[in-house]
Amino acid sequence: MVRERPLLSRRSRPSILPCIVFTCLGFIVLVSLVVLIFWLVVRPKALEYTVDDARVYGFNLTASHALNATFDLTLRSYNRNRRVSVYYDFMEVTVWYDDQMVAFTEVAPFYQRRRNVTTLDVIAAATSTPLLGSVENSLKHDRSAGKVGLEVRVRARIRLKVGVVKTKHYTLRVYCAPVLVSFSATSTFDRVYCDVDI
């Protein structure tokens, strides 16, 4: 007599998908935590920026309501950090007057070591820059007064380096105002301290 064995019900295997999801989430949380701790530990003291000199050459308001001028700026960047050096991969310097950008230029990439002072000689040109009517009138008034008040803004993409470790890119923003520029070549210039944000 042949006995039939009852068929064993197959146990359903637990799905591997939830394990993968939880592992990925755990990895993301861990990496975020490591990055946060790294940033809090090595976060640089605010980099110091000043405008040490500013001159204007070839200033001319044209009949077509445009500005021609060359702004010669000396920026001073001081990295006070003992452990953090900085890679400047991109830098843009703009000159503003009365909420209108009138000149700009780009600065070549550079590397700034720890406890280092870097001087940047920047020439921002306004070439037939069209002006708003109110801006043109204010510039004419300042030209007659012999001195113009400008804003100098810097935007840069930087990476921080501690030992052999480099961070991702951060955006550095620098705001310097008022930068009082005299139209007299013999006048002295008072250093302007800038606000810096990373």
N, C-alpha and C. Protein backbone atom coordinates (compact mmCIF):
# COMPACT_ATOMS: atom_id res chain seq x y z
N MET A 1 0.84 -1.18 0.00
CA MET A 1 0.00 0.00 0.00
C MET A 1 0.89 1.24 0.00
N VAL A 2 0.65 2.07 -0.91
CA VAL A 2 1.47 3.27 -1.06
C VAL A 2 0.79 4.43 -0.35
N ARG A 3 1.59 5.01 0.56
CA ARG A 3 1.07 6.19 1.26
C ARG A 3 1.54 7.46 0.58
N GLU A 4 0.64 8.33 0.43
CA GLU A 4 1.00 9.60 -0.18
C GLU A 4 1.44 10.58 0.91
N ARG A 5 2.60 11.16 0.66
CA ARG A 5 3.08 12.17 1.60
C ARG A 5 2.37 13.50 1.35
N PRO A 6 1.95 14.12 2.43
CA PRO A 6 1.32 15.43 2.23
C PRO A 6 2.34 16.45 1.71
N LEU A 7 1.91 17.26 0.79
CA LEU A 7 2.79 18.28 0.23
C LEU A 7 3.07 19.35 1.27
N LEU A 8 4.35 19.66 1.44
CA LEU A 8 4.73 20.71 2.38
C LEU A 8 4.54 22.07 1.72
N SER A 9 3.89 22.94 2.44
CA SER A 9 3.71 24.29 1.87
C SER A 9 5.04 25.02 1.88
N ARG A 10 5.34 25.59 0.78
CA ARG A 10 6.59 26.34 0.67
C ARG A 10 6.51 27.61 1.50
N ARG A 11 7.55 27.80 2.27
CA ARG A 11 7.61 29.04 3.04
C ARG A 11 7.99 30.18 2.11
N SER A 12 7.24 31.24 2.22
CA SER A 12 7.56 32.38 1.36
C SER A 12 8.80 33.08 1.91
N ARG A 13 9.77 33.28 1.04
CA ARG A 13 10.99 33.97 1.43
C ARG A 13 10.70 35.44 1.71
N PRO A 14 11.29 35.97 2.78
CA PRO A 14 11.10 37.39 3.02
C PRO A 14 11.71 38.20 1.87
N SER A 15 11.05 39.27 1.50
CA SER A 15 11.54 40.09 0.39
C SER A 15 12.83 40.78 0.78
N ILE A 16 13.77 40.85 -0.15
CA ILE A 16 15.07 41.48 0.12
C ILE A 16 15.01 43.00 -0.08
N LEU A 17 13.93 43.47 -0.72
CA LEU A 17 13.81 44.89 -1.01
C LEU A 17 13.82 45.77 0.25
N PRO A 18 13.04 45.42 1.30
CA PRO A 18 13.09 46.27 2.50
C PRO A 18 14.49 46.33 3.12
N CYS A 19 15.23 45.23 3.05
CA CYS A 19 16.60 45.23 3.59
C CYS A 19 17.48 46.21 2.83
N ILE A 20 17.34 46.21 1.50
CA ILE A 20 18.15 47.12 0.68
C ILE A 20 17.79 48.57 0.99
N VAL A 21 16.48 48.84 1.11
CA VAL A 21 16.03 50.21 1.39
C VAL A 21 16.57 50.68 2.73
N PHE A 22 16.44 49.85 3.78
CA PHE A 22 16.92 50.24 5.10
C PHE A 22 18.43 50.41 5.13
N THR A 23 19.14 49.57 4.38
CA THR A 23 20.60 49.69 4.32
C THR A 23 21.01 51.00 3.66
N CYS A 24 20.33 51.33 2.55
CA CYS A 24 20.63 52.59 1.86
C CYS A 24 20.33 53.80 2.73
N LEU A 25 19.18 53.76 3.40
CA LEU A 25 18.81 54.86 4.29
C LEU A 25 19.82 55.01 5.43
N GLY A 26 20.22 53.88 5.99
CA GLY A 26 21.22 53.92 7.06
C GLY A 26 22.55 54.49 6.58
N PHE A 27 22.94 54.12 5.35
CA PHE A 27 24.19 54.62 4.79
C PHE A 27 24.12 56.13 4.57
N ILE A 28 22.97 56.60 4.04
CA ILE A 28 22.80 58.04 3.80
C ILE A 28 22.85 58.81 5.11
N VAL A 29 22.18 58.30 6.14
CA VAL A 29 22.19 58.97 7.45
C VAL A 29 23.61 59.00 8.02
N LEU A 30 24.34 57.88 7.87
CA LEU A 30 25.70 57.81 8.39
C LEU A 30 26.61 58.80 7.68
N VAL A 31 26.52 58.84 6.34
CA VAL A 31 27.36 59.78 5.58
C VAL A 31 27.02 61.22 5.94
N SER A 32 25.72 61.52 6.06
CA SER A 32 25.30 62.88 6.43
C SER A 32 25.84 63.25 7.81
N LEU A 33 25.81 62.30 8.72
CA LEU A 33 26.31 62.56 10.07
C LEU A 33 27.82 62.81 10.06
N VAL A 34 28.54 62.01 9.28
CA VAL A 34 30.00 62.18 9.18
C VAL A 34 30.33 63.55 8.58
N VAL A 35 29.60 63.93 7.51
CA VAL A 35 29.84 65.23 6.88
C VAL A 35 29.54 66.36 7.85
N LEU A 36 28.44 66.22 8.61
CA LEU A 36 28.07 67.26 9.58
C LEU A 36 29.13 67.40 10.66
N ILE A 37 29.58 66.27 11.20
CA ILE A 37 30.61 66.32 12.25
C ILE A 37 31.89 66.91 11.69
N PHE A 38 32.26 66.49 10.47
CA PHE A 38 33.48 67.03 9.85
C PHE A 38 33.37 68.54 9.68
N TRP A 39 32.20 69.01 9.21
CA TRP A 39 32.02 70.45 9.00
C TRP A 39 32.08 71.21 10.32
N LEU A 40 31.45 70.65 11.37
CA LEU A 40 31.46 71.34 12.66
C LEU A 40 32.86 71.38 13.27
N VAL A 41 33.63 70.33 13.02
CA VAL A 41 34.98 70.27 13.58
C VAL A 41 35.94 71.19 12.84
N VAL A 42 35.88 71.18 11.50
CA VAL A 42 36.89 71.94 10.73
C VAL A 42 36.32 73.21 10.13
N ARG A 43 35.05 73.51 10.41
CA ARG A 43 34.46 74.71 9.81
C ARG A 43 35.36 75.92 10.05
N PRO A 44 35.75 76.56 8.98
CA PRO A 44 36.72 77.64 9.15
C PRO A 44 36.12 78.85 9.83
N LYS A 45 36.96 79.51 10.59
CA LYS A 45 36.56 80.82 11.07
C LYS A 45 36.28 81.65 9.82
N ALA A 46 35.42 82.61 9.96
CA ALA A 46 35.07 83.41 8.79
C ALA A 46 36.34 83.94 8.13
N LEU A 47 36.49 83.65 6.86
CA LEU A 47 37.61 84.19 6.12
C LEU A 47 37.46 85.71 6.10
N GLU A 48 38.56 86.40 6.24
CA GLU A 48 38.51 87.86 6.28
C GLU A 48 38.81 88.44 4.90
N TYR A 49 37.96 89.36 4.49
CA TYR A 49 38.18 90.08 3.23
C TYR A 49 38.12 91.58 3.49
N THR A 50 39.03 92.29 2.85
CA THR A 50 39.00 93.75 2.88
C THR A 50 39.29 94.28 1.48
N VAL A 51 38.82 95.50 1.22
CA VAL A 51 39.23 96.22 0.02
C VAL A 51 40.31 97.19 0.48
N ASP A 52 41.54 96.96 0.05
CA ASP A 52 42.66 97.77 0.51
C ASP A 52 42.92 98.99 -0.37
N ASP A 53 42.41 98.95 -1.59
CA ASP A 53 42.56 100.10 -2.47
C ASP A 53 41.53 100.00 -3.59
N ALA A 54 41.10 101.16 -4.07
CA ALA A 54 40.15 101.20 -5.18
C ALA A 54 40.35 102.49 -5.95
N ARG A 55 40.51 102.36 -7.25
CA ARG A 55 40.71 103.51 -8.14
C ARG A 55 39.79 103.37 -9.34
N VAL A 56 39.47 104.48 -9.95
CA VAL A 56 38.66 104.45 -11.16
C VAL A 56 39.39 105.23 -12.25
N TYR A 57 39.41 104.66 -13.45
CA TYR A 57 40.08 105.28 -14.59
C TYR A 57 39.13 105.30 -15.78
N GLY A 58 39.31 106.29 -16.65
CA GLY A 58 38.53 106.35 -17.88
C GLY A 58 37.05 106.49 -17.66
N PHE A 59 36.66 107.17 -16.58
CA PHE A 59 35.24 107.32 -16.26
C PHE A 59 34.57 108.24 -17.29
N ASN A 60 33.52 107.71 -17.94
CA ASN A 60 32.86 108.49 -18.98
C ASN A 60 31.40 108.07 -19.10
N LEU A 61 30.51 109.05 -18.96
CA LEU A 61 29.08 108.82 -19.20
C LEU A 61 28.77 109.28 -20.62
N THR A 62 28.35 108.35 -21.44
CA THR A 62 28.17 108.65 -22.85
C THR A 62 26.81 109.29 -23.12
N ALA A 63 26.66 109.83 -24.32
CA ALA A 63 25.40 110.45 -24.73
C ALA A 63 24.28 109.42 -24.84
N SER A 64 24.64 108.15 -24.99
CA SER A 64 23.63 107.09 -25.09
C SER A 64 23.29 106.49 -23.73
N HIS A 65 23.59 107.24 -22.64
CA HIS A 65 23.24 106.85 -21.27
C HIS A 65 23.93 105.54 -20.86
N ALA A 66 25.20 105.45 -21.18
CA ALA A 66 25.99 104.27 -20.83
C ALA A 66 27.26 104.71 -20.09
N LEU A 67 27.85 103.76 -19.40
CA LEU A 67 29.06 104.04 -18.61
C LEU A 67 30.25 103.29 -19.17
N ASN A 68 31.36 104.02 -19.32
CA ASN A 68 32.65 103.42 -19.59
C ASN A 68 33.57 103.76 -18.41
N ALA A 69 34.17 102.75 -17.83
CA ALA A 69 35.07 103.00 -16.69
C ALA A 69 35.84 101.72 -16.40
N THR A 70 37.00 101.91 -15.78
CA THR A 70 37.80 100.78 -15.31
C THR A 70 38.01 100.94 -13.81
N PHE A 71 37.58 99.93 -13.06
CA PHE A 71 37.71 99.96 -11.61
C PHE A 71 38.88 99.05 -11.21
N ASP A 72 39.90 99.66 -10.64
CA ASP A 72 41.11 98.95 -10.23
C ASP A 72 41.01 98.70 -8.72
N LEU A 73 40.82 97.44 -8.34
CA LEU A 73 40.57 97.07 -6.94
C LEU A 73 41.69 96.20 -6.40
N THR A 74 42.03 96.41 -5.15
CA THR A 74 42.95 95.53 -4.45
C THR A 74 42.20 94.87 -3.30
N LEU A 75 41.97 93.56 -3.45
CA LEU A 75 41.27 92.79 -2.41
C LEU A 75 42.29 92.01 -1.59
N ARG A 76 42.06 91.96 -0.30
CA ARG A 76 42.94 91.22 0.61
C ARG A 76 42.14 90.10 1.25
N SER A 77 42.58 88.85 1.04
CA SER A 77 41.93 87.69 1.63
C SER A 77 42.85 87.08 2.68
N TYR A 78 42.33 86.94 3.89
CA TYR A 78 43.14 86.39 5.00
C TYR A 78 42.49 85.11 5.49
N ASN A 79 43.19 84.00 5.33
CA ASN A 79 42.75 82.70 5.85
C ASN A 79 43.37 82.52 7.23
N ARG A 80 42.57 82.73 8.27
CA ARG A 80 43.09 82.68 9.64
C ARG A 80 43.23 81.26 10.19
N ASN A 81 42.72 80.29 9.47
CA ASN A 81 42.64 78.94 10.01
C ASN A 81 44.00 78.24 10.09
N ARG A 82 44.17 77.48 11.17
CA ARG A 82 45.42 76.74 11.35
C ARG A 82 45.38 75.37 10.69
N ARG A 83 44.17 74.85 10.43
CA ARG A 83 44.06 73.50 9.88
C ARG A 83 43.44 73.47 8.49
N VAL A 84 42.79 74.54 8.10
CA VAL A 84 42.00 74.51 6.87
C VAL A 84 42.64 75.40 5.80
N SER A 85 42.91 74.82 4.64
CA SER A 85 43.33 75.60 3.48
C SER A 85 42.16 75.61 2.49
N VAL A 86 42.24 76.50 1.50
CA VAL A 86 41.08 76.74 0.64
C VAL A 86 41.48 76.69 -0.83
N TYR A 87 40.70 75.93 -1.60
CA TYR A 87 40.81 75.96 -3.06
C TYR A 87 39.73 76.88 -3.60
N TYR A 88 40.14 77.89 -4.33
CA TYR A 88 39.19 78.77 -5.03
C TYR A 88 39.13 78.29 -6.47
N ASP A 89 38.06 77.58 -6.80
CA ASP A 89 37.92 77.02 -8.15
C ASP A 89 37.27 78.01 -9.12
N PHE A 90 36.54 78.96 -8.58
CA PHE A 90 35.91 79.98 -9.42
C PHE A 90 35.69 81.22 -8.56
N MET A 91 35.94 82.39 -9.13
CA MET A 91 35.67 83.64 -8.42
C MET A 91 35.22 84.71 -9.41
N GLU A 92 34.16 85.40 -9.01
CA GLU A 92 33.63 86.50 -9.81
C GLU A 92 33.54 87.74 -8.92
N VAL A 93 34.04 88.85 -9.43
CA VAL A 93 33.99 90.12 -8.69
C VAL A 93 33.12 91.09 -9.49
N THR A 94 32.13 91.67 -8.82
CA THR A 94 31.25 92.63 -9.48
C THR A 94 31.25 93.95 -8.73
N VAL A 95 31.05 95.02 -9.46
CA VAL A 95 30.97 96.37 -8.90
C VAL A 95 29.54 96.87 -9.11
N TRP A 96 28.93 97.34 -8.01
CA TRP A 96 27.54 97.79 -8.05
C TRP A 96 27.46 99.25 -7.65
N TYR A 97 26.48 99.91 -8.24
CA TYR A 97 26.18 101.29 -7.84
C TYR A 97 24.68 101.45 -7.80
N ASP A 98 24.17 101.82 -6.64
CA ASP A 98 22.73 102.08 -6.50
C ASP A 98 21.89 100.90 -7.01
N ASP A 99 22.27 99.68 -6.55
CA ASP A 99 21.56 98.44 -6.89
C ASP A 99 21.62 98.06 -8.37
N GLN A 100 22.56 98.63 -9.11
CA GLN A 100 22.77 98.20 -10.50
C GLN A 100 24.21 97.77 -10.66
N MET A 101 24.40 96.58 -11.26
CA MET A 101 25.76 96.12 -11.52
C MET A 101 26.32 96.91 -12.71
N VAL A 102 27.48 97.50 -12.50
CA VAL A 102 28.06 98.34 -13.55
C VAL A 102 29.34 97.75 -14.14
N ALA A 103 29.98 96.82 -13.43
CA ALA A 103 31.23 96.22 -13.95
C ALA A 103 31.45 94.86 -13.30
N PHE A 104 32.17 94.01 -14.00
CA PHE A 104 32.47 92.68 -13.44
C PHE A 104 33.74 92.13 -14.06
N THR A 105 34.27 91.11 -13.41
CA THR A 105 35.42 90.38 -13.94
C THR A 105 35.51 89.04 -13.23
N GLU A 106 36.32 88.15 -13.77
CA GLU A 106 36.57 86.86 -13.14
C GLU A 106 38.03 86.80 -12.72
N VAL A 107 38.28 86.08 -11.63
CA VAL A 107 39.62 85.91 -11.10
C VAL A 107 40.06 84.47 -11.36
N ALA A 108 41.30 84.29 -11.76
CA ALA A 108 41.82 82.95 -12.04
C ALA A 108 41.81 82.10 -10.77
N PRO A 109 41.53 80.78 -10.88
CA PRO A 109 41.54 79.91 -9.70
C PRO A 109 42.87 79.97 -8.97
N PHE A 110 42.81 79.81 -7.64
CA PHE A 110 44.04 79.82 -6.84
C PHE A 110 43.83 79.01 -5.57
N TYR A 111 44.94 78.71 -4.93
CA TYR A 111 44.94 77.92 -3.69
C TYR A 111 45.49 78.77 -2.56
N GLN A 112 44.77 78.81 -1.44
CA GLN A 112 45.20 79.61 -0.30
C GLN A 112 45.54 78.71 0.88
N ARG A 113 46.78 78.78 1.31
CA ARG A 113 47.24 77.94 2.41
C ARG A 113 46.70 78.44 3.75
N ARG A 114 46.95 77.64 4.77
CA ARG A 114 46.56 78.02 6.13
C ARG A 114 47.33 79.26 6.57
N ARG A 115 46.69 80.07 7.39
CA ARG A 115 47.33 81.27 7.94
C ARG A 115 48.02 82.09 6.85
N ASN A 116 47.31 82.30 5.76
CA ASN A 116 47.91 82.96 4.59
C ASN A 116 47.12 84.21 4.22
N VAL A 117 47.84 85.24 3.80
CA VAL A 117 47.23 86.45 3.26
C VAL A 117 47.48 86.47 1.75
N THR A 118 46.42 86.56 0.98
CA THR A 118 46.52 86.62 -0.47
C THR A 118 45.96 87.96 -0.95
N THR A 119 46.76 88.66 -1.74
CA THR A 119 46.33 89.93 -2.31
C THR A 119 45.91 89.73 -3.76
N LEU A 120 44.71 90.18 -4.08
CA LEU A 120 44.17 90.03 -5.42
C LEU A 120 44.04 91.40 -6.07
N ASP A 121 44.76 91.61 -7.15
CA ASP A 121 44.63 92.84 -7.93
C ASP A 121 43.60 92.59 -9.02
N VAL A 122 42.49 93.26 -8.91
CA VAL A 122 41.33 92.99 -9.77
C VAL A 122 41.00 94.23 -10.59
N ILE A 123 40.80 94.02 -11.87
CA ILE A 123 40.37 95.11 -12.75
C ILE A 123 39.01 94.73 -13.34
N ALA A 124 37.99 95.48 -12.91
CA ALA A 124 36.62 95.26 -13.41
C ALA A 124 36.27 96.39 -14.36
N ALA A 125 35.85 96.03 -15.55
CA ALA A 125 35.60 97.03 -16.58
C ALA A 125 34.12 97.20 -16.85
N ALA A 126 33.72 98.45 -17.02
CA ALA A 126 32.38 98.79 -17.52
C ALA A 126 32.57 99.26 -18.96
N THR A 127 32.03 98.51 -19.89
CA THR A 127 32.18 98.85 -21.31
C THR A 127 30.80 99.09 -21.91
N SER A 128 30.49 100.35 -22.10
CA SER A 128 29.19 100.75 -22.65
C SER A 128 28.05 100.10 -21.87
N THR A 129 28.17 100.13 -20.54
CA THR A 129 27.15 99.55 -19.68
C THR A 129 25.93 100.47 -19.63
N PRO A 130 24.76 100.03 -20.13
CA PRO A 130 23.57 100.89 -20.11
C PRO A 130 23.13 101.17 -18.67
N LEU A 131 22.73 102.39 -18.40
CA LEU A 131 22.38 102.81 -17.05
C LEU A 131 20.91 103.19 -16.95
N LEU A 132 20.32 102.90 -15.80
CA LEU A 132 19.00 103.42 -15.50
C LEU A 132 19.10 104.93 -15.35
N GLY A 133 18.02 105.63 -15.63
CA GLY A 133 18.04 107.08 -15.56
C GLY A 133 18.45 107.60 -14.18
N SER A 134 17.90 106.99 -13.12
CA SER A 134 18.23 107.43 -11.76
C SER A 134 19.69 107.17 -11.44
N VAL A 135 20.22 106.06 -11.92
CA VAL A 135 21.63 105.72 -11.67
C VAL A 135 22.54 106.71 -12.39
N GLU A 136 22.20 107.04 -13.62
CA GLU A 136 23.00 107.99 -14.39
C GLU A 136 23.04 109.35 -13.69
N ASN A 137 21.87 109.81 -13.22
CA ASN A 137 21.82 111.10 -12.54
C ASN A 137 22.64 111.10 -11.25
N SER A 138 22.56 110.00 -10.49
CA SER A 138 23.33 109.90 -9.25
C SER A 138 24.82 109.88 -9.53
N LEU A 139 25.22 109.17 -10.60
CA LEU A 139 26.64 109.12 -10.95
C LEU A 139 27.16 110.50 -11.37
N LYS A 140 26.34 111.25 -12.10
CA LYS A 140 26.74 112.60 -12.49
C LYS A 140 26.94 113.48 -11.26
N HIS A 141 26.03 113.32 -10.30
CA HIS A 141 26.14 114.10 -9.07
C HIS A 141 27.42 113.74 -8.32
N ASP A 142 27.70 112.44 -8.19
CA ASP A 142 28.90 111.99 -7.47
C ASP A 142 30.17 112.40 -8.21
N ARG A 143 30.10 112.37 -9.54
CA ARG A 143 31.27 112.80 -10.32
C ARG A 143 31.59 114.26 -10.03
N SER A 144 30.57 115.07 -9.93
CA SER A 144 30.77 116.48 -9.62
C SER A 144 31.32 116.66 -8.20
N ALA A 145 30.89 115.78 -7.29
CA ALA A 145 31.35 115.86 -5.90
C ALA A 145 32.77 115.33 -5.74
N GLY A 146 33.25 114.58 -6.73
CA GLY A 146 34.63 114.10 -6.69
C GLY A 146 34.83 112.74 -6.06
N LYS A 147 33.75 112.07 -5.64
CA LYS A 147 33.89 110.76 -5.00
C LYS A 147 32.60 109.97 -5.22
N VAL A 148 32.76 108.67 -5.47
CA VAL A 148 31.61 107.81 -5.72
C VAL A 148 31.62 106.65 -4.74
N GLY A 149 30.44 106.32 -4.22
CA GLY A 149 30.30 105.20 -3.29
C GLY A 149 29.83 103.95 -4.01
N LEU A 150 30.63 102.90 -3.97
CA LEU A 150 30.33 101.66 -4.69
C LEU A 150 30.13 100.49 -3.72
N GLU A 151 29.59 99.41 -4.27
CA GLU A 151 29.56 98.13 -3.57
C GLU A 151 30.42 97.16 -4.38
N VAL A 152 31.25 96.40 -3.67
CA VAL A 152 32.04 95.35 -4.32
C VAL A 152 31.54 94.02 -3.79
N ARG A 153 31.16 93.15 -4.69
CA ARG A 153 30.65 91.83 -4.30
C ARG A 153 31.51 90.74 -4.92
N VAL A 154 31.74 89.72 -4.14
CA VAL A 154 32.54 88.57 -4.60
C VAL A 154 31.70 87.31 -4.42
N ARG A 155 31.70 86.48 -5.44
CA ARG A 155 31.06 85.16 -5.34
C ARG A 155 32.08 84.13 -5.81
N ALA A 156 32.30 83.12 -4.98
CA ALA A 156 33.32 82.12 -5.33
C ALA A 156 32.84 80.72 -4.97
N ARG A 157 33.32 79.75 -5.75
CA ARG A 157 33.10 78.33 -5.41
C ARG A 157 34.41 77.82 -4.81
N ILE A 158 34.31 77.36 -3.56
CA ILE A 158 35.51 76.95 -2.85
C ILE A 158 35.38 75.52 -2.34
N ARG A 159 36.55 74.90 -2.13
CA ARG A 159 36.62 73.63 -1.43
C ARG A 159 37.61 73.80 -0.28
N LEU A 160 37.29 73.16 0.84
CA LEU A 160 38.15 73.22 2.01
C LEU A 160 39.01 71.97 2.06
N LYS A 161 40.23 72.12 2.54
CA LYS A 161 41.15 70.99 2.63
C LYS A 161 41.71 70.91 4.05
N VAL A 162 41.55 69.72 4.67
CA VAL A 162 42.12 69.46 5.99
C VAL A 162 42.97 68.20 5.85
N GLY A 163 44.28 68.34 6.00
CA GLY A 163 45.16 67.20 5.75
C GLY A 163 45.07 66.81 4.29
N VAL A 164 44.64 65.56 4.05
CA VAL A 164 44.48 65.10 2.66
C VAL A 164 43.01 65.08 2.25
N VAL A 165 42.13 65.47 3.16
CA VAL A 165 40.69 65.42 2.90
C VAL A 165 40.20 66.74 2.32
N LYS A 166 39.44 66.66 1.22
CA LYS A 166 38.84 67.85 0.61
C LYS A 166 37.32 67.72 0.69
N THR A 167 36.67 68.84 0.96
CA THR A 167 35.22 68.83 1.05
C THR A 167 34.61 69.03 -0.33
N LYS A 168 33.29 68.98 -0.35
CA LYS A 168 32.56 69.33 -1.57
C LYS A 168 32.65 70.84 -1.77
N HIS A 169 32.05 71.33 -2.83
CA HIS A 169 32.07 72.77 -3.10
C HIS A 169 31.09 73.52 -2.20
N TYR A 170 31.54 74.67 -1.75
CA TYR A 170 30.69 75.61 -1.03
C TYR A 170 30.73 76.94 -1.77
N THR A 171 29.68 77.73 -1.56
CA THR A 171 29.64 79.06 -2.17
C THR A 171 30.05 80.10 -1.14
N LEU A 172 31.07 80.87 -1.49
CA LEU A 172 31.55 81.96 -0.65
C LEU A 172 30.99 83.26 -1.23
N ARG A 173 30.40 84.08 -0.36
CA ARG A 173 29.89 85.39 -0.78
C ARG A 173 30.52 86.47 0.09
N VAL A 174 30.99 87.52 -0.56
CA VAL A 174 31.64 88.63 0.12
C VAL A 174 30.94 89.92 -0.31
N TYR A 175 30.65 90.76 0.67
CA TYR A 175 29.96 92.03 0.40
C TYR A 175 30.74 93.16 1.05
N CYS A 176 31.17 94.12 0.24
CA CYS A 176 31.98 95.24 0.73
C CYS A 176 31.30 96.56 0.36
N ALA A 177 30.93 97.33 1.37
CA ALA A 177 30.27 98.62 1.12
C ALA A 177 30.28 99.45 2.40
N PRO A 178 30.34 100.77 2.26
CA PRO A 178 30.55 101.48 0.99
C PRO A 178 32.04 101.58 0.66
N VAL A 179 32.36 101.38 -0.60
CA VAL A 179 33.72 101.56 -1.09
C VAL A 179 33.77 102.93 -1.75
N LEU A 180 34.35 103.89 -1.04
CA LEU A 180 34.39 105.27 -1.53
C LEU A 180 35.61 105.47 -2.42
N VAL A 181 35.35 105.71 -3.68
CA VAL A 181 36.42 105.86 -4.67
C VAL A 181 36.49 107.32 -5.10
N SER A 182 37.68 107.88 -4.99
CA SER A 182 37.88 109.27 -5.38
C SER A 182 38.28 109.36 -6.84
N PHE A 183 37.85 110.42 -7.50
CA PHE A 183 38.25 110.64 -8.88
C PHE A 183 39.61 111.33 -8.97
N SER A 184 40.15 111.69 -7.82
CA SER A 184 41.48 112.30 -7.78
C SER A 184 42.53 111.21 -7.63
N ALA A 185 43.55 111.23 -8.49
CA ALA A 185 44.60 110.20 -8.46
C ALA A 185 45.48 110.32 -7.23
N THR A 186 45.49 111.46 -6.58
CA THR A 186 46.39 111.67 -5.44
C THR A 186 45.71 111.43 -4.10
N SER A 187 44.45 111.07 -4.10
CA SER A 187 43.74 110.90 -2.83
C SER A 187 44.12 109.59 -2.16
N THR A 188 43.94 109.54 -0.84
CA THR A 188 44.21 108.31 -0.08
C THR A 188 42.93 107.47 -0.02
N PHE A 189 43.11 106.19 0.31
CA PHE A 189 41.97 105.28 0.37
C PHE A 189 41.92 104.64 1.75
N ASP A 190 40.74 104.61 2.34
CA ASP A 190 40.55 103.99 3.65
C ASP A 190 40.08 102.55 3.45
N ARG A 191 40.80 101.62 4.09
CA ARG A 191 40.46 100.19 3.97
C ARG A 191 39.00 99.95 4.34
N VAL A 192 38.34 99.07 3.56
CA VAL A 192 36.94 98.71 3.80
C VAL A 192 36.88 97.25 4.21
N TYR A 193 36.27 96.99 5.35
CA TYR A 193 36.09 95.61 5.82
C TYR A 193 34.79 95.04 5.27
N CYS A 194 34.85 93.78 4.85
CA CYS A 194 33.72 93.16 4.14
C CYS A 194 33.02 92.13 5.01
N ASP A 195 31.75 91.88 4.68
CA ASP A 195 31.00 90.79 5.28
C ASP A 195 31.22 89.54 4.45
N VAL A 196 31.49 88.42 5.14
CA VAL A 196 31.81 87.17 4.45
C VAL A 196 30.84 86.07 4.91
N ASP A 197 30.32 85.32 3.95
CA ASP A 197 29.39 84.24 4.28
C ASP A 197 29.75 83.01 3.46
N ILE A 198 29.78 81.86 4.13
CA ILE A 198 30.04 80.58 3.44
C ILE A 198 28.81 79.70 3.60
